[in-house]
Amino acid sequence: MHRAVFLDRDGVLIEERNYLHRVEDVAFIPGAMRALKRLQDAGFLLFIVTNQSGVGRGYFTLADVEKVHAHITAECARHGVRFQKIYVAPEAPDQPSRGRKPSPQFLFDARDEFGVDLSRSFMIGDKLIDLECGWNAGVERAILVRTGYGAEHERLLAGRADQAVVVDDLAAAAEWILNAPKR
């Protein structure tokens, strides 16, 4: 069974842009590539799990999302980073969805398709729903980054702070994971 790191996309890997759907608007968060490479080199499988409600709201198309993901994948590959899969929930919040976070379904799919041991894996996000997705899947630890919406969502952790790790950014999350006691 493999260990994995599941990442939200906007605000974690790339800078938060309201309903980002154009390749030219993609900007990686400083240190993200090196952090991903370190995690991958340590043996973690990497996955992106993203809600893209702009599709369900009619703001842009799934093809637009796929172009952005092709760009992200190509840029990461230039740095030797490979994602096993990018899971996308294109539905708006009020639409039925199999995988829209906080649903853990995409993490369960990765477990089944790639042999991921969720109890030894991590979820990194900038919103409470990202952490809830990880908790719902039974990951070892959910990590909130303060980039994107993370600083705002940190205060929403009241009463649940013991369940999450809060760090400044993806680089700090990778550092925390790599130094966590091995299970």
N, C-alpha and C. Protein backbone atom coordinates (compact mmCIF):
# COMPACT_ATOMS: atom_id res chain seq x y z
N MET A 1 0.84 -1.19 0.00
CA MET A 1 0.00 0.00 0.00
C MET A 1 0.88 1.25 0.00
N HIS A 2 0.49 2.21 -0.80
CA HIS A 2 1.25 3.44 -0.98
C HIS A 2 0.77 4.56 -0.05
N ARG A 3 1.70 5.40 0.33
CA ARG A 3 1.35 6.64 1.02
C ARG A 3 1.12 7.70 -0.04
N ALA A 4 0.23 8.63 0.24
CA ALA A 4 -0.08 9.66 -0.75
C ALA A 4 -0.28 11.01 -0.07
N VAL A 5 -0.14 12.04 -0.88
CA VAL A 5 -0.50 13.39 -0.47
C VAL A 5 -1.55 13.89 -1.46
N PHE A 6 -2.69 14.26 -0.92
CA PHE A 6 -3.79 14.82 -1.71
C PHE A 6 -3.77 16.33 -1.51
N LEU A 7 -3.83 17.06 -2.62
CA LEU A 7 -3.73 18.51 -2.55
C LEU A 7 -4.94 19.17 -3.20
N ASP A 8 -5.46 20.17 -2.53
CA ASP A 8 -6.39 21.06 -3.20
C ASP A 8 -5.55 21.85 -4.20
N ARG A 9 -6.19 22.39 -5.22
CA ARG A 9 -5.44 23.08 -6.28
C ARG A 9 -5.27 24.58 -5.98
N ASP A 10 -6.37 25.31 -6.01
CA ASP A 10 -6.33 26.77 -5.88
C ASP A 10 -6.06 27.18 -4.44
N GLY A 11 -5.06 28.01 -4.27
CA GLY A 11 -4.70 28.48 -2.93
C GLY A 11 -3.71 27.58 -2.22
N VAL A 12 -3.42 26.42 -2.81
CA VAL A 12 -2.46 25.48 -2.22
C VAL A 12 -1.28 25.30 -3.17
N LEU A 13 -1.56 24.86 -4.38
CA LEU A 13 -0.54 24.63 -5.40
C LEU A 13 -0.34 25.88 -6.26
N ILE A 14 -1.46 26.47 -6.66
CA ILE A 14 -1.40 27.70 -7.46
C ILE A 14 -2.13 28.81 -6.71
N GLU A 15 -1.80 30.05 -7.07
CA GLU A 15 -2.41 31.18 -6.39
C GLU A 15 -3.92 31.21 -6.64
N GLU A 16 -4.64 31.61 -5.61
CA GLU A 16 -6.09 31.73 -5.70
C GLU A 16 -6.45 32.87 -6.64
N ARG A 17 -7.24 32.55 -7.64
CA ARG A 17 -7.81 33.54 -8.56
C ARG A 17 -9.29 33.19 -8.63
N ASN A 18 -10.12 34.14 -8.50
CA ASN A 18 -11.56 33.87 -8.49
C ASN A 18 -11.98 33.15 -9.77
N TYR A 19 -12.38 31.89 -9.62
CA TYR A 19 -12.83 31.06 -10.75
C TYR A 19 -11.79 30.99 -11.87
N LEU A 20 -10.57 30.68 -11.52
CA LEU A 20 -9.49 30.56 -12.49
C LEU A 20 -9.87 29.54 -13.57
N HIS A 21 -9.72 29.94 -14.83
CA HIS A 21 -10.02 29.02 -15.92
C HIS A 21 -9.17 29.29 -17.16
N ARG A 22 -8.20 30.19 -17.04
CA ARG A 22 -7.33 30.50 -18.17
C ARG A 22 -5.88 30.18 -17.80
N VAL A 23 -5.20 29.50 -18.70
CA VAL A 23 -3.81 29.10 -18.47
C VAL A 23 -2.95 30.29 -18.10
N GLU A 24 -3.17 31.42 -18.76
CA GLU A 24 -2.33 32.59 -18.51
C GLU A 24 -2.50 33.17 -17.11
N ASP A 25 -3.52 32.74 -16.38
CA ASP A 25 -3.74 33.20 -15.01
C ASP A 25 -3.12 32.29 -13.95
N VAL A 26 -2.53 31.18 -14.39
CA VAL A 26 -1.93 30.23 -13.45
C VAL A 26 -0.60 30.78 -12.94
N ALA A 27 -0.48 30.84 -11.62
CA ALA A 27 0.78 31.25 -10.99
C ALA A 27 1.01 30.30 -9.81
N PHE A 28 2.10 29.58 -9.86
CA PHE A 28 2.41 28.64 -8.79
C PHE A 28 2.82 29.38 -7.52
N ILE A 29 2.40 28.85 -6.40
CA ILE A 29 2.79 29.42 -5.11
C ILE A 29 4.29 29.17 -4.93
N PRO A 30 5.03 30.20 -4.52
CA PRO A 30 6.48 30.04 -4.34
C PRO A 30 6.81 28.83 -3.45
N GLY A 31 7.76 28.04 -3.92
CA GLY A 31 8.20 26.87 -3.17
C GLY A 31 7.39 25.61 -3.42
N ALA A 32 6.29 25.73 -4.16
CA ALA A 32 5.40 24.58 -4.37
C ALA A 32 6.09 23.44 -5.12
N MET A 33 6.80 23.77 -6.18
CA MET A 33 7.44 22.71 -6.99
C MET A 33 8.46 21.93 -6.17
N ARG A 34 9.29 22.65 -5.45
CA ARG A 34 10.31 21.97 -4.64
C ARG A 34 9.65 21.11 -3.57
N ALA A 35 8.58 21.60 -2.97
CA ALA A 35 7.86 20.83 -1.94
C ALA A 35 7.29 19.54 -2.53
N LEU A 36 6.68 19.65 -3.71
CA LEU A 36 6.12 18.46 -4.35
C LEU A 36 7.21 17.45 -4.71
N LYS A 37 8.32 17.96 -5.21
CA LYS A 37 9.43 17.07 -5.58
C LYS A 37 9.97 16.35 -4.35
N ARG A 38 10.08 17.05 -3.24
CA ARG A 38 10.57 16.43 -2.00
C ARG A 38 9.62 15.32 -1.56
N LEU A 39 8.32 15.59 -1.61
CA LEU A 39 7.33 14.57 -1.21
C LEU A 39 7.39 13.36 -2.14
N GLN A 40 7.45 13.63 -3.43
CA GLN A 40 7.53 12.54 -4.40
C GLN A 40 8.80 11.73 -4.21
N ASP A 41 9.92 12.39 -4.01
CA ASP A 41 11.20 11.69 -3.82
C ASP A 41 11.20 10.86 -2.54
N ALA A 42 10.35 11.25 -1.58
CA ALA A 42 10.24 10.48 -0.33
C ALA A 42 9.28 9.29 -0.49
N GLY A 43 8.72 9.13 -1.68
CA GLY A 43 7.89 7.96 -1.95
C GLY A 43 6.39 8.19 -1.92
N PHE A 44 5.95 9.43 -1.76
CA PHE A 44 4.52 9.71 -1.75
C PHE A 44 3.98 9.82 -3.17
N LEU A 45 2.80 9.22 -3.39
CA LEU A 45 2.07 9.46 -4.63
C LEU A 45 1.37 10.81 -4.46
N LEU A 46 1.26 11.57 -5.54
CA LEU A 46 0.65 12.90 -5.48
C LEU A 46 -0.65 12.94 -6.27
N PHE A 47 -1.65 13.56 -5.69
CA PHE A 47 -2.96 13.71 -6.32
C PHE A 47 -3.47 15.13 -6.10
N ILE A 48 -4.20 15.65 -7.08
CA ILE A 48 -4.93 16.90 -6.89
C ILE A 48 -6.41 16.53 -6.78
N VAL A 49 -7.08 17.15 -5.81
CA VAL A 49 -8.51 16.96 -5.61
C VAL A 49 -9.12 18.36 -5.57
N THR A 50 -9.91 18.71 -6.60
CA THR A 50 -10.36 20.08 -6.72
C THR A 50 -11.84 20.20 -7.04
N ASN A 51 -12.50 21.10 -6.35
CA ASN A 51 -13.87 21.49 -6.70
C ASN A 51 -13.74 22.62 -7.71
N GLN A 52 -14.44 22.50 -8.83
CA GLN A 52 -14.42 23.54 -9.86
C GLN A 52 -15.86 23.93 -10.18
N SER A 53 -16.50 24.57 -9.21
CA SER A 53 -17.92 24.90 -9.34
C SER A 53 -18.21 25.91 -10.45
N GLY A 54 -17.18 26.58 -10.94
CA GLY A 54 -17.39 27.50 -12.06
C GLY A 54 -17.97 26.79 -13.28
N VAL A 55 -17.69 25.50 -13.44
CA VAL A 55 -18.26 24.72 -14.53
C VAL A 55 -19.77 24.58 -14.30
N GLY A 56 -20.15 24.12 -13.13
CA GLY A 56 -21.57 23.94 -12.81
C GLY A 56 -22.35 25.24 -12.80
N ARG A 57 -21.67 26.33 -12.52
CA ARG A 57 -22.33 27.65 -12.51
C ARG A 57 -22.41 28.26 -13.91
N GLY A 58 -21.74 27.61 -14.88
CA GLY A 58 -21.76 28.11 -16.25
C GLY A 58 -20.75 29.20 -16.55
N TYR A 59 -19.77 29.41 -15.68
CA TYR A 59 -18.76 30.45 -15.89
C TYR A 59 -17.70 30.05 -16.90
N PHE A 60 -17.41 28.76 -16.98
CA PHE A 60 -16.44 28.23 -17.93
C PHE A 60 -16.73 26.75 -18.12
N THR A 61 -15.99 26.10 -19.00
CA THR A 61 -16.27 24.71 -19.36
C THR A 61 -15.27 23.75 -18.73
N LEU A 62 -15.63 22.48 -18.75
CA LEU A 62 -14.71 21.45 -18.29
C LEU A 62 -13.46 21.42 -19.18
N ALA A 63 -13.62 21.75 -20.46
CA ALA A 63 -12.46 21.83 -21.36
C ALA A 63 -11.49 22.91 -20.89
N ASP A 64 -12.01 24.02 -20.37
CA ASP A 64 -11.14 25.06 -19.83
C ASP A 64 -10.35 24.52 -18.64
N VAL A 65 -11.02 23.78 -17.77
CA VAL A 65 -10.36 23.18 -16.60
C VAL A 65 -9.28 22.21 -17.06
N GLU A 66 -9.59 21.41 -18.07
CA GLU A 66 -8.61 20.44 -18.57
C GLU A 66 -7.39 21.13 -19.18
N LYS A 67 -7.57 22.28 -19.83
CA LYS A 67 -6.42 23.04 -20.37
C LYS A 67 -5.54 23.54 -19.23
N VAL A 68 -6.16 24.05 -18.17
CA VAL A 68 -5.40 24.51 -17.01
C VAL A 68 -4.63 23.34 -16.40
N HIS A 69 -5.28 22.18 -16.30
CA HIS A 69 -4.62 21.01 -15.71
C HIS A 69 -3.49 20.50 -16.60
N ALA A 70 -3.66 20.58 -17.91
CA ALA A 70 -2.58 20.18 -18.81
C ALA A 70 -1.38 21.09 -18.61
N HIS A 71 -1.62 22.38 -18.43
CA HIS A 71 -0.54 23.33 -18.18
C HIS A 71 0.15 23.04 -16.84
N ILE A 72 -0.64 22.82 -15.80
CA ILE A 72 -0.07 22.51 -14.48
C ILE A 72 0.77 21.24 -14.55
N THR A 73 0.23 20.22 -15.20
CA THR A 73 0.93 18.94 -15.32
C THR A 73 2.25 19.11 -16.07
N ALA A 74 2.22 19.88 -17.17
CA ALA A 74 3.43 20.10 -17.96
C ALA A 74 4.48 20.87 -17.16
N GLU A 75 4.05 21.91 -16.45
CA GLU A 75 4.99 22.69 -15.64
C GLU A 75 5.60 21.84 -14.53
N CYS A 76 4.78 21.03 -13.90
CA CYS A 76 5.28 20.15 -12.85
C CYS A 76 6.26 19.13 -13.42
N ALA A 77 5.94 18.58 -14.59
CA ALA A 77 6.81 17.58 -15.22
C ALA A 77 8.19 18.18 -15.52
N ARG A 78 8.24 19.46 -15.87
CA ARG A 78 9.52 20.12 -16.12
C ARG A 78 10.40 20.13 -14.87
N HIS A 79 9.77 20.00 -13.72
CA HIS A 79 10.51 19.96 -12.44
C HIS A 79 10.58 18.53 -11.88
N GLY A 80 10.21 17.57 -12.71
CA GLY A 80 10.30 16.17 -12.29
C GLY A 80 9.18 15.73 -11.36
N VAL A 81 8.07 16.46 -11.35
CA VAL A 81 6.94 16.15 -10.48
C VAL A 81 5.81 15.56 -11.32
N ARG A 82 5.24 14.46 -10.81
CA ARG A 82 4.17 13.78 -11.53
C ARG A 82 2.98 13.53 -10.60
N PHE A 83 1.81 13.93 -11.06
CA PHE A 83 0.58 13.61 -10.33
C PHE A 83 0.04 12.30 -10.87
N GLN A 84 -0.39 11.43 -9.96
CA GLN A 84 -0.99 10.18 -10.39
C GLN A 84 -2.32 10.45 -11.10
N LYS A 85 -3.08 11.40 -10.56
CA LYS A 85 -4.37 11.73 -11.14
C LYS A 85 -4.86 13.05 -10.57
N ILE A 86 -5.65 13.75 -11.37
CA ILE A 86 -6.31 14.97 -10.92
C ILE A 86 -7.80 14.67 -10.89
N TYR A 87 -8.39 14.76 -9.71
CA TYR A 87 -9.82 14.52 -9.54
C TYR A 87 -10.54 15.87 -9.52
N VAL A 88 -11.57 15.99 -10.35
CA VAL A 88 -12.31 17.25 -10.48
C VAL A 88 -13.79 17.02 -10.19
N ALA A 89 -14.34 17.86 -9.32
CA ALA A 89 -15.79 17.90 -9.09
C ALA A 89 -16.28 19.20 -9.73
N PRO A 90 -16.93 19.13 -10.91
CA PRO A 90 -17.33 20.33 -11.63
C PRO A 90 -18.68 20.90 -11.21
N GLU A 91 -19.35 20.26 -10.30
CA GLU A 91 -20.70 20.68 -9.94
C GLU A 91 -20.70 21.92 -9.06
N ALA A 92 -21.76 22.70 -9.17
CA ALA A 92 -21.99 23.83 -8.27
C ALA A 92 -22.42 23.26 -6.92
N PRO A 93 -22.27 24.05 -5.84
CA PRO A 93 -22.59 23.53 -4.50
C PRO A 93 -24.02 22.99 -4.34
N ASP A 94 -24.96 23.52 -5.10
CA ASP A 94 -26.35 23.07 -4.96
C ASP A 94 -26.71 21.91 -5.88
N GLN A 95 -25.74 21.40 -6.63
CA GLN A 95 -25.98 20.28 -7.54
C GLN A 95 -25.51 18.97 -6.92
N PRO A 96 -26.19 17.87 -7.24
CA PRO A 96 -25.72 16.58 -6.74
C PRO A 96 -24.30 16.30 -7.26
N SER A 97 -23.46 15.74 -6.41
CA SER A 97 -22.08 15.47 -6.80
C SER A 97 -21.56 14.25 -6.07
N ARG A 98 -20.90 13.41 -6.79
CA ARG A 98 -20.28 12.22 -6.21
C ARG A 98 -19.02 12.57 -5.42
N GLY A 99 -18.26 13.55 -5.91
CA GLY A 99 -16.95 13.78 -5.33
C GLY A 99 -16.69 15.16 -4.78
N ARG A 100 -17.64 16.06 -4.84
CA ARG A 100 -17.40 17.42 -4.37
C ARG A 100 -17.02 17.42 -2.89
N LYS A 101 -15.86 18.02 -2.58
CA LYS A 101 -15.45 18.09 -1.19
C LYS A 101 -16.49 18.87 -0.39
N PRO A 102 -16.81 18.42 0.81
CA PRO A 102 -16.03 17.56 1.70
C PRO A 102 -16.21 16.05 1.51
N SER A 103 -16.87 15.62 0.44
CA SER A 103 -17.00 14.18 0.19
C SER A 103 -15.61 13.55 0.07
N PRO A 104 -15.41 12.40 0.69
CA PRO A 104 -14.11 11.72 0.59
C PRO A 104 -14.02 10.79 -0.63
N GLN A 105 -15.01 10.82 -1.50
CA GLN A 105 -15.11 9.81 -2.57
C GLN A 105 -13.87 9.74 -3.45
N PHE A 106 -13.30 10.87 -3.82
CA PHE A 106 -12.12 10.82 -4.69
C PHE A 106 -10.92 10.20 -3.98
N LEU A 107 -10.82 10.38 -2.68
CA LEU A 107 -9.74 9.73 -1.93
C LEU A 107 -9.97 8.23 -1.88
N PHE A 108 -11.23 7.82 -1.74
CA PHE A 108 -11.56 6.39 -1.79
C PHE A 108 -11.25 5.83 -3.18
N ASP A 109 -11.54 6.61 -4.23
CA ASP A 109 -11.22 6.17 -5.59
C ASP A 109 -9.72 5.96 -5.75
N ALA A 110 -8.91 6.89 -5.22
CA ALA A 110 -7.45 6.76 -5.31
C ALA A 110 -6.98 5.54 -4.53
N ARG A 111 -7.60 5.30 -3.37
CA ARG A 111 -7.26 4.11 -2.58
C ARG A 111 -7.47 2.86 -3.43
N ASP A 112 -8.62 2.79 -4.08
CA ASP A 112 -8.97 1.59 -4.84
C ASP A 112 -8.17 1.47 -6.15
N GLU A 113 -7.95 2.57 -6.82
CA GLU A 113 -7.27 2.53 -8.12
C GLU A 113 -5.76 2.45 -8.01
N PHE A 114 -5.18 3.07 -6.98
CA PHE A 114 -3.72 3.16 -6.89
C PHE A 114 -3.14 2.46 -5.67
N GLY A 115 -3.98 1.79 -4.87
CA GLY A 115 -3.47 1.09 -3.69
C GLY A 115 -2.96 2.03 -2.62
N VAL A 116 -3.69 3.11 -2.37
CA VAL A 116 -3.28 4.09 -1.37
C VAL A 116 -3.76 3.68 0.01
N ASP A 117 -2.87 3.76 0.98
CA ASP A 117 -3.22 3.54 2.38
C ASP A 117 -3.60 4.90 2.96
N LEU A 118 -4.90 5.16 3.04
CA LEU A 118 -5.37 6.47 3.49
C LEU A 118 -4.93 6.78 4.92
N SER A 119 -4.81 5.76 5.75
CA SER A 119 -4.44 6.00 7.15
C SER A 119 -2.99 6.46 7.29
N ARG A 120 -2.22 6.37 6.20
CA ARG A 120 -0.83 6.82 6.21
C ARG A 120 -0.61 7.92 5.17
N SER A 121 -1.72 8.59 4.80
CA SER A 121 -1.67 9.63 3.78
C SER A 121 -2.13 10.96 4.36
N PHE A 122 -1.98 12.02 3.56
CA PHE A 122 -2.25 13.38 4.03
C PHE A 122 -3.11 14.15 3.04
N MET A 123 -3.92 15.06 3.56
CA MET A 123 -4.71 15.98 2.74
C MET A 123 -4.26 17.39 3.07
N ILE A 124 -3.93 18.17 2.03
CA ILE A 124 -3.50 19.56 2.22
C ILE A 124 -4.49 20.47 1.51
N GLY A 125 -5.02 21.45 2.24
CA GLY A 125 -5.95 22.39 1.64
C GLY A 125 -5.92 23.74 2.31
N ASP A 126 -6.69 24.66 1.73
CA ASP A 126 -6.77 26.01 2.29
C ASP A 126 -8.18 26.34 2.79
N LYS A 127 -9.04 25.33 2.81
CA LYS A 127 -10.41 25.54 3.30
C LYS A 127 -10.80 24.40 4.23
N LEU A 128 -11.76 24.68 5.08
CA LEU A 128 -12.26 23.67 6.00
C LEU A 128 -12.79 22.45 5.26
N ILE A 129 -13.45 22.65 4.10
CA ILE A 129 -13.98 21.50 3.35
C ILE A 129 -12.87 20.56 2.89
N ASP A 130 -11.67 21.09 2.65
CA ASP A 130 -10.53 20.24 2.27
C ASP A 130 -10.15 19.34 3.45
N LEU A 131 -10.07 19.95 4.62
CA LEU A 131 -9.74 19.18 5.82
C LEU A 131 -10.82 18.14 6.10
N GLU A 132 -12.07 18.54 5.97
CA GLU A 132 -13.19 17.60 6.21
C GLU A 132 -13.14 16.44 5.24
N CYS A 133 -12.75 16.69 4.01
CA CYS A 133 -12.58 15.62 3.03
C CYS A 133 -11.56 14.61 3.54
N GLY A 134 -10.43 15.11 4.01
CA GLY A 134 -9.40 14.22 4.55
C GLY A 134 -9.87 13.48 5.78
N TRP A 135 -10.51 14.20 6.70
CA TRP A 135 -11.03 13.55 7.91
C TRP A 135 -12.05 12.48 7.55
N ASN A 136 -12.94 12.79 6.61
CA ASN A 136 -13.97 11.84 6.20
C ASN A 136 -13.39 10.58 5.56
N ALA A 137 -12.19 10.72 4.97
CA ALA A 137 -11.53 9.58 4.33
C ALA A 137 -10.64 8.82 5.30
N GLY A 138 -10.37 9.40 6.48
CA GLY A 138 -9.52 8.72 7.45
C GLY A 138 -8.04 8.88 7.21
N VAL A 139 -7.63 10.05 6.64
CA VAL A 139 -6.20 10.26 6.42
C VAL A 139 -5.48 10.41 7.76
N GLU A 140 -4.18 10.20 7.70
CA GLU A 140 -3.35 10.33 8.91
C GLU A 140 -3.47 11.73 9.49
N ARG A 141 -3.41 12.75 8.62
CA ARG A 141 -3.50 14.12 9.10
C ARG A 141 -3.96 15.03 7.96
N ALA A 142 -4.82 15.97 8.30
CA ALA A 142 -5.24 17.02 7.37
C ALA A 142 -4.45 18.27 7.73
N ILE A 143 -3.96 18.95 6.71
CA ILE A 143 -3.09 20.11 6.91
C ILE A 143 -3.70 21.33 6.23
N LEU A 144 -3.86 22.39 6.98
CA LEU A 144 -4.36 23.66 6.45
C LEU A 144 -3.18 24.58 6.19
N VAL A 145 -3.10 25.08 4.95
CA VAL A 145 -2.09 26.08 4.63
C VAL A 145 -2.74 27.46 4.72
N ARG A 146 -1.94 28.45 5.10
CA ARG A 146 -2.47 29.81 5.26
C ARG A 146 -2.52 30.58 3.95
N THR A 147 -2.05 29.98 2.86
CA THR A 147 -2.16 30.62 1.55
C THR A 147 -3.61 30.49 1.08
N GLY A 148 -3.94 31.16 -0.02
CA GLY A 148 -5.32 31.11 -0.52
C GLY A 148 -6.28 31.63 0.54
N TYR A 149 -7.29 30.81 0.86
CA TYR A 149 -8.27 31.18 1.89
C TYR A 149 -7.88 30.66 3.28
N GLY A 150 -6.72 30.04 3.39
CA GLY A 150 -6.33 29.37 4.62
C GLY A 150 -6.30 30.24 5.85
N ALA A 151 -5.79 31.46 5.72
CA ALA A 151 -5.72 32.33 6.90
C ALA A 151 -7.13 32.64 7.41
N GLU A 152 -8.10 32.82 6.49
CA GLU A 152 -9.49 33.05 6.89
C GLU A 152 -10.09 31.80 7.53
N HIS A 153 -9.80 30.65 6.96
CA HIS A 153 -10.40 29.41 7.43
C HIS A 153 -9.77 28.89 8.72
N GLU A 154 -8.60 29.39 9.07
CA GLU A 154 -7.95 28.95 10.30
C GLU A 154 -8.85 29.20 11.51
N ARG A 155 -9.54 30.31 11.51
CA ARG A 155 -10.42 30.62 12.65
C ARG A 155 -11.65 29.71 12.70
N LEU A 156 -11.99 29.07 11.59
CA LEU A 156 -13.13 28.15 11.56
C LEU A 156 -12.81 26.81 12.22
N LEU A 157 -11.54 26.62 12.56
CA LEU A 157 -11.12 25.36 13.18
C LEU A 157 -11.45 25.27 14.66
N ALA A 158 -12.05 26.30 15.21
CA ALA A 158 -12.37 26.30 16.64
C ALA A 158 -12.98 24.97 17.05
N GLY A 159 -12.39 24.37 18.06
CA GLY A 159 -12.88 23.09 18.55
C GLY A 159 -12.36 21.89 17.78
N ARG A 160 -11.71 22.12 16.65
CA ARG A 160 -11.19 21.02 15.85
C ARG A 160 -9.70 21.19 15.57
N ALA A 161 -9.10 22.18 16.18
CA ALA A 161 -7.69 22.48 15.91
C ALA A 161 -6.78 21.30 16.21
N ASP A 162 -7.17 20.45 17.15
CA ASP A 162 -6.34 19.30 17.47
C ASP A 162 -6.34 18.26 16.35
N GLN A 163 -7.31 18.35 15.44
CA GLN A 163 -7.39 17.40 14.33
C GLN A 163 -6.58 17.84 13.11
N ALA A 164 -6.14 19.09 13.10
CA ALA A 164 -5.45 19.61 11.92
C ALA A 164 -4.09 20.19 12.31
N VAL A 165 -3.24 20.23 11.32
CA VAL A 165 -1.97 20.93 11.42
C VAL A 165 -2.15 22.20 10.60
N VAL A 166 -1.69 23.33 11.11
CA VAL A 166 -1.78 24.59 10.37
C VAL A 166 -0.36 25.09 10.12
N VAL A 167 -0.07 25.34 8.85
CA VAL A 167 1.27 25.80 8.44
C VAL A 167 1.12 26.96 7.46
N ASP A 168 2.22 27.61 7.16
CA ASP A 168 2.15 28.79 6.29
C ASP A 168 1.84 28.48 4.83
N ASP A 169 2.45 27.41 4.28
CA ASP A 169 2.30 27.15 2.85
C ASP A 169 2.63 25.69 2.54
N LEU A 170 2.58 25.36 1.26
CA LEU A 170 2.84 23.99 0.84
C LEU A 170 4.24 23.53 1.22
N ALA A 171 5.22 24.41 1.12
CA ALA A 171 6.58 24.03 1.51
C ALA A 171 6.64 23.64 2.98
N ALA A 172 5.96 24.40 3.83
CA ALA A 172 5.93 24.07 5.26
C ALA A 172 5.14 22.79 5.51
N ALA A 173 4.11 22.55 4.72
CA ALA A 173 3.34 21.30 4.86
C ALA A 173 4.22 20.10 4.51
N ALA A 174 4.98 20.22 3.43
CA ALA A 174 5.88 19.13 3.04
C ALA A 174 6.91 18.88 4.12
N GLU A 175 7.45 19.94 4.66
CA GLU A 175 8.43 19.81 5.74
C GLU A 175 7.82 19.08 6.93
N TRP A 176 6.60 19.45 7.29
CA TRP A 176 5.92 18.81 8.42
C TRP A 176 5.71 17.31 8.14
N ILE A 177 5.23 16.99 6.96
CA ILE A 177 4.98 15.59 6.58
C ILE A 177 6.27 14.79 6.62
N LEU A 178 7.33 15.34 6.05
CA LEU A 178 8.59 14.60 5.96
C LEU A 178 9.24 14.41 7.32
N ASN A 179 8.89 15.24 8.29
CA ASN A 179 9.45 15.11 9.63
C ASN A 179 8.48 14.47 10.62
N ALA A 180 7.28 14.11 10.16
CA ALA A 180 6.30 13.46 11.04
C ALA A 180 6.80 12.06 11.39
N PRO A 181 6.48 11.60 12.58
CA PRO A 181 6.86 10.23 12.95
C PRO A 181 6.29 9.23 11.94
N LYS A 182 7.11 8.30 11.52
CA LYS A 182 6.67 7.29 10.54
C LYS A 182 5.74 6.28 11.17
N ARG A 183 4.68 5.96 10.44
CA ARG A 183 3.73 4.94 10.90
C ARG A 183 3.86 3.70 10.07
